[in-house]
N, C-alpha and C. Protein backbone atom coordinates (compact mmCIF):
# COMPACT_ATOMS: atom_id res chain seq x y z
N UNK A 1 105.02 106.03 80.11
CA UNK A 1 105.60 105.07 81.01
C UNK A 1 104.47 104.42 81.80
N UNK A 2 104.56 103.12 81.99
CA UNK A 2 103.58 102.42 82.81
C UNK A 2 103.96 102.56 84.28
N UNK A 3 102.93 102.57 85.14
CA UNK A 3 103.15 102.67 86.58
C UNK A 3 102.52 101.48 87.27
N UNK A 4 103.19 100.99 88.30
CA UNK A 4 102.67 99.88 89.09
C UNK A 4 103.09 100.08 90.54
N UNK A 5 102.37 99.43 91.43
CA UNK A 5 102.69 99.53 92.85
C UNK A 5 102.57 98.15 93.50
N UNK A 6 103.57 97.79 94.26
CA UNK A 6 103.55 96.56 95.05
C UNK A 6 103.18 96.96 96.46
N UNK A 7 102.03 96.50 96.93
CA UNK A 7 101.56 96.83 98.27
C UNK A 7 102.24 95.92 99.28
N UNK A 8 103.43 96.30 99.69
CA UNK A 8 104.24 95.48 100.60
C UNK A 8 103.92 95.85 102.04
N UNK A 9 103.53 94.85 102.84
CA UNK A 9 103.15 95.08 104.24
C UNK A 9 104.06 94.38 105.23
N UNK A 10 105.13 93.76 104.79
CA UNK A 10 106.02 93.00 105.67
C UNK A 10 106.98 93.89 106.45
N UNK A 11 108.03 93.25 106.95
CA UNK A 11 109.07 93.96 107.70
C UNK A 11 109.75 94.97 106.77
N UNK A 12 110.37 95.96 107.37
CA UNK A 12 111.02 97.03 106.59
C UNK A 12 112.01 96.43 105.59
N UNK A 13 111.97 96.97 104.38
CA UNK A 13 112.86 96.50 103.32
C UNK A 13 114.07 97.40 103.18
N UNK A 14 115.19 96.78 102.82
CA UNK A 14 116.35 97.56 102.42
C UNK A 14 116.34 97.64 100.89
N UNK A 15 117.32 98.33 100.32
CA UNK A 15 117.37 98.51 98.87
C UNK A 15 117.38 97.17 98.15
N UNK A 16 118.19 96.24 98.62
CA UNK A 16 118.32 94.95 97.95
C UNK A 16 116.99 94.20 97.90
N UNK A 17 116.27 94.15 99.00
CA UNK A 17 114.98 93.46 99.04
C UNK A 17 113.94 94.14 98.17
N UNK A 18 113.88 95.46 98.24
CA UNK A 18 112.90 96.21 97.46
C UNK A 18 113.20 96.10 95.96
N UNK A 19 114.46 96.19 95.59
CA UNK A 19 114.81 96.11 94.17
C UNK A 19 114.54 94.72 93.62
N UNK A 20 114.72 93.68 94.41
CA UNK A 20 114.41 92.32 93.97
C UNK A 20 112.91 92.16 93.72
N UNK A 21 112.08 92.71 94.61
CA UNK A 21 110.63 92.68 94.39
C UNK A 21 110.25 93.40 93.10
N UNK A 22 110.86 94.56 92.87
CA UNK A 22 110.55 95.34 91.67
C UNK A 22 110.98 94.60 90.40
N UNK A 23 112.17 94.00 90.42
CA UNK A 23 112.65 93.25 89.25
C UNK A 23 111.76 92.03 88.98
N UNK A 24 111.39 91.31 90.03
CA UNK A 24 110.52 90.15 89.85
C UNK A 24 109.16 90.56 89.30
N UNK A 25 108.63 91.67 89.79
CA UNK A 25 107.36 92.17 89.27
C UNK A 25 107.48 92.49 87.78
N UNK A 26 108.56 93.16 87.40
CA UNK A 26 108.77 93.51 86.00
C UNK A 26 108.87 92.26 85.13
N UNK A 27 109.58 91.23 85.60
CA UNK A 27 109.70 89.98 84.85
C UNK A 27 108.34 89.33 84.65
N UNK A 28 107.50 89.37 85.66
CA UNK A 28 106.17 88.78 85.58
C UNK A 28 105.23 89.58 84.69
N UNK A 29 105.62 90.80 84.33
CA UNK A 29 104.78 91.67 83.52
C UNK A 29 105.46 92.06 82.22
N UNK A 30 105.93 91.04 81.51
CA UNK A 30 106.43 91.18 80.15
C UNK A 30 107.68 92.03 79.99
N UNK A 31 108.56 92.02 80.97
CA UNK A 31 109.86 92.67 80.85
C UNK A 31 110.90 91.58 81.17
N UNK A 32 111.33 90.80 80.16
CA UNK A 32 112.15 89.62 80.39
C UNK A 32 113.48 89.86 81.11
N UNK A 33 114.12 90.99 80.86
CA UNK A 33 115.43 91.24 81.45
C UNK A 33 115.49 92.66 82.02
N UNK A 34 114.81 92.90 83.14
CA UNK A 34 114.74 94.27 83.67
C UNK A 34 116.02 94.71 84.37
N UNK A 35 116.29 95.98 84.24
CA UNK A 35 117.37 96.59 85.01
C UNK A 35 116.84 97.91 85.58
N UNK A 36 117.43 98.35 86.66
CA UNK A 36 117.01 99.59 87.32
C UNK A 36 117.75 100.75 86.67
N UNK A 37 116.97 101.69 86.12
CA UNK A 37 117.55 102.89 85.52
C UNK A 37 117.72 104.00 86.56
N UNK A 38 116.79 104.07 87.50
CA UNK A 38 116.83 105.09 88.55
C UNK A 38 115.97 104.61 89.70
N UNK A 39 116.25 105.14 90.88
CA UNK A 39 115.46 104.76 92.05
C UNK A 39 115.44 105.90 93.06
N UNK A 40 114.50 105.77 93.99
CA UNK A 40 114.33 106.81 95.01
C UNK A 40 113.80 106.14 96.27
N UNK A 41 114.27 106.58 97.41
CA UNK A 41 113.76 106.10 98.70
C UNK A 41 113.18 107.29 99.44
N UNK A 42 111.91 107.18 99.79
CA UNK A 42 111.24 108.25 100.53
C UNK A 42 111.63 108.21 102.00
N UNK A 43 111.96 109.34 102.56
CA UNK A 43 112.16 109.47 103.99
C UNK A 43 113.35 108.74 104.57
N UNK A 44 114.29 108.35 103.76
CA UNK A 44 115.44 107.64 104.30
C UNK A 44 116.73 108.34 103.95
N UNK A 45 117.78 108.06 104.68
CA UNK A 45 119.05 108.71 104.41
C UNK A 45 119.74 108.19 103.15
N UNK A 46 119.45 106.94 102.77
CA UNK A 46 120.12 106.35 101.62
C UNK A 46 119.37 106.69 100.34
N UNK A 47 120.04 107.37 99.44
CA UNK A 47 119.46 107.67 98.14
C UNK A 47 120.59 107.81 97.14
N UNK A 48 120.31 107.61 95.86
CA UNK A 48 121.37 107.73 94.87
C UNK A 48 121.85 109.17 94.74
N UNK A 49 122.99 109.32 94.11
CA UNK A 49 123.54 110.66 93.88
C UNK A 49 122.63 111.45 92.96
N UNK A 50 122.73 112.75 93.03
CA UNK A 50 121.99 113.60 92.11
C UNK A 50 122.86 114.78 91.73
N UNK A 51 122.45 115.47 90.68
CA UNK A 51 123.23 116.59 90.16
C UNK A 51 122.96 117.86 90.94
N UNK A 52 124.00 118.69 91.10
CA UNK A 52 123.83 119.99 91.74
C UNK A 52 122.73 120.78 91.03
N UNK A 53 121.84 121.34 91.79
CA UNK A 53 120.76 122.12 91.24
C UNK A 53 119.53 121.31 90.90
N UNK A 54 119.63 119.99 90.92
CA UNK A 54 118.48 119.13 90.61
C UNK A 54 117.65 118.92 91.86
N UNK A 55 116.35 118.78 91.70
CA UNK A 55 115.47 118.50 92.81
C UNK A 55 115.61 117.03 93.17
N UNK A 56 116.11 116.69 94.37
CA UNK A 56 116.34 115.29 94.73
C UNK A 56 115.06 114.46 94.81
N UNK A 57 113.89 115.10 94.86
CA UNK A 57 112.64 114.37 94.91
C UNK A 57 112.10 114.00 93.53
N UNK A 58 112.62 114.63 92.47
CA UNK A 58 112.07 114.37 91.13
C UNK A 58 113.12 114.03 90.06
N UNK A 59 114.38 114.36 90.26
CA UNK A 59 115.38 114.16 89.21
C UNK A 59 115.48 112.73 88.77
N UNK A 60 115.40 111.79 89.71
CA UNK A 60 115.59 110.37 89.43
C UNK A 60 114.54 109.86 88.43
N UNK A 61 113.29 110.35 88.58
CA UNK A 61 112.21 109.91 87.69
C UNK A 61 112.43 110.45 86.28
N UNK A 62 112.82 111.71 86.17
CA UNK A 62 113.10 112.31 84.87
C UNK A 62 114.29 111.63 84.19
N UNK A 63 115.31 111.33 84.96
CA UNK A 63 116.48 110.64 84.42
C UNK A 63 116.11 109.27 83.90
N UNK A 64 115.38 108.50 84.70
CA UNK A 64 114.99 107.15 84.31
C UNK A 64 114.11 107.13 83.08
N UNK A 65 113.12 108.02 83.03
CA UNK A 65 112.21 108.08 81.89
C UNK A 65 112.94 108.53 80.63
N UNK A 66 113.86 109.45 80.78
CA UNK A 66 114.58 109.99 79.64
C UNK A 66 115.67 109.08 79.11
N UNK A 67 115.98 108.03 79.83
CA UNK A 67 117.05 107.13 79.42
C UNK A 67 116.55 105.71 79.20
N UNK A 68 115.32 105.58 78.76
CA UNK A 68 114.81 104.27 78.35
C UNK A 68 113.91 103.57 79.34
N UNK A 69 113.65 104.16 80.47
CA UNK A 69 112.77 103.52 81.44
C UNK A 69 111.36 103.40 80.91
N UNK A 70 110.75 102.24 81.10
CA UNK A 70 109.40 102.03 80.59
C UNK A 70 108.40 101.63 81.65
N UNK A 71 108.88 101.37 82.87
CA UNK A 71 108.00 100.92 83.94
C UNK A 71 108.47 101.53 85.26
N UNK A 72 107.56 102.20 85.94
CA UNK A 72 107.85 102.71 87.28
C UNK A 72 107.15 101.80 88.28
N UNK A 73 107.92 101.25 89.22
CA UNK A 73 107.37 100.33 90.21
C UNK A 73 107.60 100.90 91.60
N UNK A 74 106.52 101.15 92.33
CA UNK A 74 106.60 101.55 93.72
C UNK A 74 106.55 100.30 94.59
N UNK A 75 107.38 100.24 95.60
CA UNK A 75 107.40 99.10 96.52
C UNK A 75 107.08 99.63 97.91
N UNK A 76 105.92 99.23 98.43
CA UNK A 76 105.49 99.74 99.73
C UNK A 76 105.39 101.26 99.69
N UNK A 77 105.70 101.88 100.82
CA UNK A 77 105.66 103.34 100.91
C UNK A 77 107.05 103.97 100.79
N UNK A 78 108.09 103.13 100.66
CA UNK A 78 109.45 103.64 100.75
C UNK A 78 110.21 103.78 99.44
N UNK A 79 110.06 102.84 98.52
CA UNK A 79 110.91 102.81 97.34
C UNK A 79 110.13 102.98 96.04
N UNK A 80 110.79 103.61 95.06
CA UNK A 80 110.28 103.70 93.70
C UNK A 80 111.44 103.41 92.76
N UNK A 81 111.15 102.64 91.71
CA UNK A 81 112.16 102.24 90.75
C UNK A 81 111.66 102.52 89.33
N UNK A 82 112.56 102.98 88.47
CA UNK A 82 112.29 103.10 87.04
C UNK A 82 113.05 101.94 86.40
N UNK A 83 112.30 101.07 85.72
CA UNK A 83 112.86 99.87 85.13
C UNK A 83 112.94 99.98 83.62
N UNK A 84 113.93 99.30 83.05
CA UNK A 84 114.13 99.23 81.60
C UNK A 84 114.41 97.79 81.24
N UNK A 85 113.88 97.33 80.10
CA UNK A 85 114.16 95.98 79.63
C UNK A 85 115.42 96.00 78.78
N UNK A 86 116.49 95.36 79.23
CA UNK A 86 117.75 95.41 78.51
C UNK A 86 117.77 94.54 77.27
N UNK A 87 116.78 93.68 77.09
CA UNK A 87 116.73 92.88 75.86
C UNK A 87 116.36 93.74 74.66
N UNK A 88 115.82 94.93 74.89
CA UNK A 88 115.44 95.81 73.78
C UNK A 88 116.50 96.87 73.48
N UNK A 89 117.62 96.82 74.19
CA UNK A 89 118.69 97.80 73.97
C UNK A 89 119.38 97.53 72.63
N UNK A 90 119.74 98.60 71.95
CA UNK A 90 120.46 98.50 70.68
C UNK A 90 121.94 98.66 70.95
N UNK A 91 122.75 97.91 70.22
CA UNK A 91 124.20 98.05 70.41
C UNK A 91 124.84 98.87 69.33
């Protein structure tokens, strides 16, 4: 999996703002139709659901990588996203 980081220094981002930055970055880096497979927010109360017994700090990355994620994008110090290009999905 490729890794990238957006060094964001502006006002605090919410999920919507951070995910838009990550998707735009993916589009600019040869992922024509990116979608978020998994995400994580460091130090905040809002985070996606996780499975009982799973480590909430690492499960999201394993899930995203194991389900087609090809790019991990960190946004500032708060958010991380696993992205997948949906144009390569098989039906």
